[in-house]
C-alpha atoms as a PDB file:
ATOM      1  CA  GLN A   1       0.000   0.000   0.000  1.00  0.00           C
ATOM      2  CA  VAL A   2       0.984   3.612  -0.620  1.00  0.00           C
ATOM      3  CA  GLN A   3      -0.224   6.567   1.407  1.00  0.00           C
ATOM      4  CA  LEU A   4      -0.476   9.999  -0.212  1.00  0.00           C
ATOM      5  CA  VAL A   5      -0.817  13.109   1.933  1.00  0.00           C
ATOM      6  CA  GLU A   6      -1.592  16.462   0.322  1.00  0.00           C
ATOM      7  CA  SER A   7      -0.976  19.915   1.730  1.00  0.00           C
ATOM      8  CA  GLY A   8      -0.957  23.521   0.576  1.00  0.00           C
ATOM      9  CA  GLY A   9      -4.550  24.188  -0.387  1.00  0.00           C
ATOM     10  CA  GLY A  10      -6.384  27.327   0.643  1.00  0.00           C
ATOM     11  CA  LEU A  11      -8.071  30.511  -0.479  1.00  0.00           C
ATOM     12  CA  VAL A  12      -6.439  32.853  -2.986  1.00  0.00           C
ATOM     13  CA  GLN A  13      -7.567  35.730  -5.163  1.00  0.00           C
ATOM     14  CA  ALA A  14      -7.791  35.401  -8.913  1.00  0.00           C
ATOM     15  CA  GLY A  15      -4.399  35.932 -10.503  1.00  0.00           C
ATOM     16  CA  GLY A  16      -2.615  34.651  -7.446  1.00  0.00           C
ATOM     17  CA  SER A  17      -0.519  31.540  -6.845  1.00  0.00           C
ATOM     18  CA  LEU A  18      -0.543  28.456  -4.657  1.00  0.00           C
ATOM     19  CA  ARG A  19       1.755  25.472  -4.329  1.00  0.00           C
ATOM     20  CA  LEU A  20       0.417  22.057  -3.451  1.00  0.00           C
ATOM     21  CA  SER A  21       2.534  19.238  -2.081  1.00  0.00           C
ATOM     22  CA  CYS A  22       1.924  15.513  -1.953  1.00  0.00           C
ATOM     23  CA  ALA A  23       4.146  13.208   0.070  1.00  0.00           C
ATOM     24  CA  ALA A  24       4.143   9.473  -0.579  1.00  0.00           C
ATOM     25  CA  SER A  25       4.976   6.782   1.960  1.00  0.00           C
ATOM     26  CA  GLY A  26       4.674   3.034   2.228  1.00  0.00           C
ATOM     27  CA  ASN A  27       5.459   0.696  -0.654  1.00  0.00           C
ATOM     28  CA  ILE A  28       6.774   3.483  -2.867  1.00  0.00           C
ATOM     29  CA  PHE A  29       8.506   1.053  -5.208  1.00  0.00           C
ATOM     30  CA  SER A  30       5.094   0.103  -6.539  1.00  0.00           C
ATOM     31  CA  ILE A  31       4.595   3.539  -8.072  1.00  0.00           C
ATOM     32  CA  ASN A  32       6.475   5.525 -10.713  1.00  0.00           C
ATOM     33  CA  ALA A  33       4.146   8.322 -11.724  1.00  0.00           C
ATOM     34  CA  MET A  34       2.603  10.824  -9.358  1.00  0.00           C
ATOM     35  CA  GLY A  35       0.283  13.643 -10.164  1.00  0.00           C
ATOM     36  CA  TRP A  36      -2.916  15.536  -9.563  1.00  0.00           C
ATOM     37  CA  TYR A  37      -6.583  15.414 -10.385  1.00  0.00           C
ATOM     38  CA  ARG A  38      -9.209  17.921  -9.369  1.00  0.00           C
ATOM     39  CA  GLN A  39     -12.949  17.850  -8.910  1.00  0.00           C
ATOM     40  CA  ALA A  40     -15.283  20.815  -8.670  1.00  0.00           C
ATOM     41  CA  PRO A  41     -18.837  20.477  -7.312  1.00  0.00           C
ATOM     42  CA  GLU A  42     -21.138  18.654  -9.739  1.00  0.00           C
ATOM     43  CA  LYS A  43     -18.308  18.094 -12.216  1.00  0.00           C
ATOM     44  CA  GLN A  44     -16.306  15.056 -13.176  1.00  0.00           C
ATOM     45  CA  ARG A  45     -12.854  14.522 -11.809  1.00  0.00           C
ATOM     46  CA  GLU A  46     -10.355  16.154 -14.166  1.00  0.00           C
ATOM     47  CA  TYR A  47      -6.712  15.311 -14.801  1.00  0.00           C
ATOM     48  CA  VAL A  48      -4.354  18.180 -13.985  1.00  0.00           C
ATOM     49  CA  ALA A  49      -0.760  16.983 -14.321  1.00  0.00           C
ATOM     50  CA  GLY A  50       1.564  14.064 -13.750  1.00  0.00           C
ATOM     51  CA  ILE A  51       5.278  13.351 -13.523  1.00  0.00           C
ATOM     52  CA  THR A  52       7.454  10.238 -13.407  1.00  0.00           C
ATOM     53  CA  SER A  53      10.513   9.645 -11.248  1.00  0.00           C
ATOM     54  CA  ALA A  54      12.611  10.388 -14.369  1.00  0.00           C
ATOM     55  CA  GLY A  55      10.975  13.784 -14.721  1.00  0.00           C
ATOM     56  CA  ASN A  56       8.690  13.085 -17.676  1.00  0.00           C
ATOM     57  CA  SER A  57       5.530  15.120 -17.271  1.00  0.00           C
ATOM     58  CA  ASN A  58       2.264  16.015 -18.934  1.00  0.00           C
ATOM     59  CA  TYR A  59      -0.595  18.400 -18.264  1.00  0.00           C
ATOM     60  CA  GLY A  60      -4.301  18.712 -18.775  1.00  0.00           C
ATOM     61  CA  ASP A  61      -5.249  21.222 -21.446  1.00  0.00           C
ATOM     62  CA  SER A  62      -6.953  23.621 -19.044  1.00  0.00           C
ATOM     63  CA  VAL A  63      -3.804  24.241 -16.995  1.00  0.00           C
ATOM     64  CA  LYS A  64      -1.031  24.217 -19.602  1.00  0.00           C
ATOM     65  CA  GLY A  65       1.143  27.300 -19.322  1.00  0.00           C
ATOM     66  CA  ARG A  66      -0.155  28.185 -15.849  1.00  0.00           C
ATOM     67  CA  PHE A  67       0.628  25.158 -13.687  1.00  0.00           C
ATOM     68  CA  SER A  68       3.962  23.419 -13.250  1.00  0.00           C
ATOM     69  CA  ILE A  69       4.607  20.017 -11.699  1.00  0.00           C
ATOM     70  CA  SER A  70       7.869  18.941 -10.119  1.00  0.00           C
ATOM     71  CA  ARG A  71       9.135  16.117  -7.989  1.00  0.00           C
ATOM     72  CA  ASP A  72      11.712  15.515  -5.288  1.00  0.00           C
ATOM     73  CA  ASN A  73      12.501  11.808  -5.454  1.00  0.00           C
ATOM     74  CA  ALA A  74      14.577  11.878  -2.282  1.00  0.00           C
ATOM     75  CA  LYS A  75      11.541  13.134  -0.371  1.00  0.00           C
ATOM     76  CA  GLU A  76       9.028  11.134  -2.420  1.00  0.00           C
ATOM     77  CA  THR A  77       7.128  14.358  -2.826  1.00  0.00           C
ATOM     78  CA  VAL A  78       5.465  15.928  -5.835  1.00  0.00           C
ATOM     79  CA  TYR A  79       4.653  19.617  -6.084  1.00  0.00           C
ATOM     80  CA  LEU A  80       2.107  21.513  -8.128  1.00  0.00           C
ATOM     81  CA  GLN A  81       2.891  25.188  -8.630  1.00  0.00           C
ATOM     82  CA  MET A  82      -0.293  26.962  -9.672  1.00  0.00           C
ATOM     83  CA  ASP A  83       0.040  30.467 -11.106  1.00  0.00           C
ATOM     84  CA  SER A  84      -2.435  32.864 -12.706  1.00  0.00           C
ATOM     85  CA  LEU A  85      -5.229  31.130 -10.858  1.00  0.00           C
ATOM     86  CA  LYS A  86      -8.795  31.572 -12.031  1.00  0.00           C
ATOM     87  CA  PRO A  87     -12.089  31.059 -10.191  1.00  0.00           C
ATOM     88  CA  GLU A  88     -12.717  28.019 -12.394  1.00  0.00           C
ATOM     89  CA  ASP A  89      -9.617  26.404 -10.875  1.00  0.00           C
ATOM     90  CA  SER A  90     -11.529  26.108  -7.597  1.00  0.00           C
ATOM     91  CA  ALA A  91     -11.864  22.436  -6.726  1.00  0.00           C
ATOM     92  CA  VAL A  92     -10.704  19.691  -4.438  1.00  0.00           C
ATOM     93  CA  TYR A  93      -7.273  18.650  -5.669  1.00  0.00           C
ATOM     94  CA  TYR A  94      -6.383  14.988  -5.286  1.00  0.00           C
ATOM     95  CA  CYS A  95      -2.933  13.497  -5.397  1.00  0.00           C
ATOM     96  CA  ALA A  96      -2.751  10.368  -7.524  1.00  0.00           C
ATOM     97  CA  ALA A  97      -0.120   7.687  -8.091  1.00  0.00           C
ATOM     98  CA  GLY A  98       0.333   5.007 -10.710  1.00  0.00           C
ATOM     99  CA  TRP A  99       2.941   3.711 -13.118  1.00  0.00           C
ATOM    100  CA  THR A 100       3.027   5.960 -16.203  1.00  0.00           C
ATOM    101  CA  VAL A 101       1.922   9.562 -16.731  1.00  0.00           C
ATOM    102  CA  ARG A 102       0.065   8.453 -19.832  1.00  0.00           C
ATOM    103  CA  GLY A 103      -1.841   5.923 -17.765  1.00  0.00           C
ATOM    104  CA  LEU A 104      -2.317   8.394 -14.944  1.00  0.00           C
ATOM    105  CA  GLY A 105      -3.919  10.815 -17.361  1.00  0.00           C
ATOM    106  CA  HIS A 106      -6.293   8.100 -18.540  1.00  0.00           C
ATOM    107  CA  GLY A 107      -7.515   7.209 -15.094  1.00  0.00           C
ATOM    108  CA  GLU A 108      -5.099   4.372 -14.380  1.00  0.00           C
ATOM    109  CA  VAL A 109      -4.633   5.411 -10.764  1.00  0.00           C
ATOM    110  CA  ASP A 110      -3.520   2.905  -8.167  1.00  0.00           C
ATOM    111  CA  PHE A 111      -3.604   5.195  -5.128  1.00  0.00           C
ATOM    112  CA  TRP A 112      -5.434   8.384  -4.177  1.00  0.00           C
ATOM    113  CA  GLY A 113      -4.866  11.015  -1.558  1.00  0.00           C
ATOM    114  CA  GLN A 114      -7.643  12.474   0.569  1.00  0.00           C
ATOM    115  CA  GLY A 115      -7.752  15.784  -1.293  1.00  0.00           C
ATOM    116  CA  THR A 116      -7.105  19.411  -0.465  1.00  0.00           C
ATOM    117  CA  GLN A 117      -9.454  22.301  -1.195  1.00  0.00           C
ATOM    118  CA  VAL A 118      -8.382  25.154  -3.441  1.00  0.00           C
ATOM    119  CA  THR A 119     -10.681  28.160  -3.672  1.00  0.00           C
ATOM    120  CA  VAL A 120     -10.010  31.058  -6.028  1.00  0.00           C
ATOM    121  CA  SER A 121     -12.062  34.186  -5.411  1.00  0.00           C
ATOM    122  CA  SER A 122     -12.902  36.635  -8.173  1.00  0.00           C
END
C-alpha cells in the first residue's frame, strides 16, 4: 500500500498563486508516476498533471502554461505550482499515483490522496 498526503490548499484571489505538495509513503517502489486530479462540485474529476521519477511530465489542457509540476525523489514528494489562478480552478485537488503519466492521465490510478481544497475568489 501507498499513502499519499496532500498539503498547501487554501483561499487565494484570482491571478494569485498556490503550491500544493503531496508526500508518498509506504510501498513506494510500486509507483512511478505521481500527479494531480481535481474535482469541482457537480463536475467530473479532471486530470491536472503528472510526472514520473525520471521527470517526464504532462498536463491537462486547461492548466497548460499556468501550472507546473515537479518532484523531489529523495523526499518522495510531488509539487504543483499553480500560477495565474482563475475562479474556475476552484476544486478539491487529489494526489494520484500510478505507473506511467500516460496511464495516470487516462484514469489508471492505483492510489489516491484524501484531497485538499483550493478556492479562487474573483
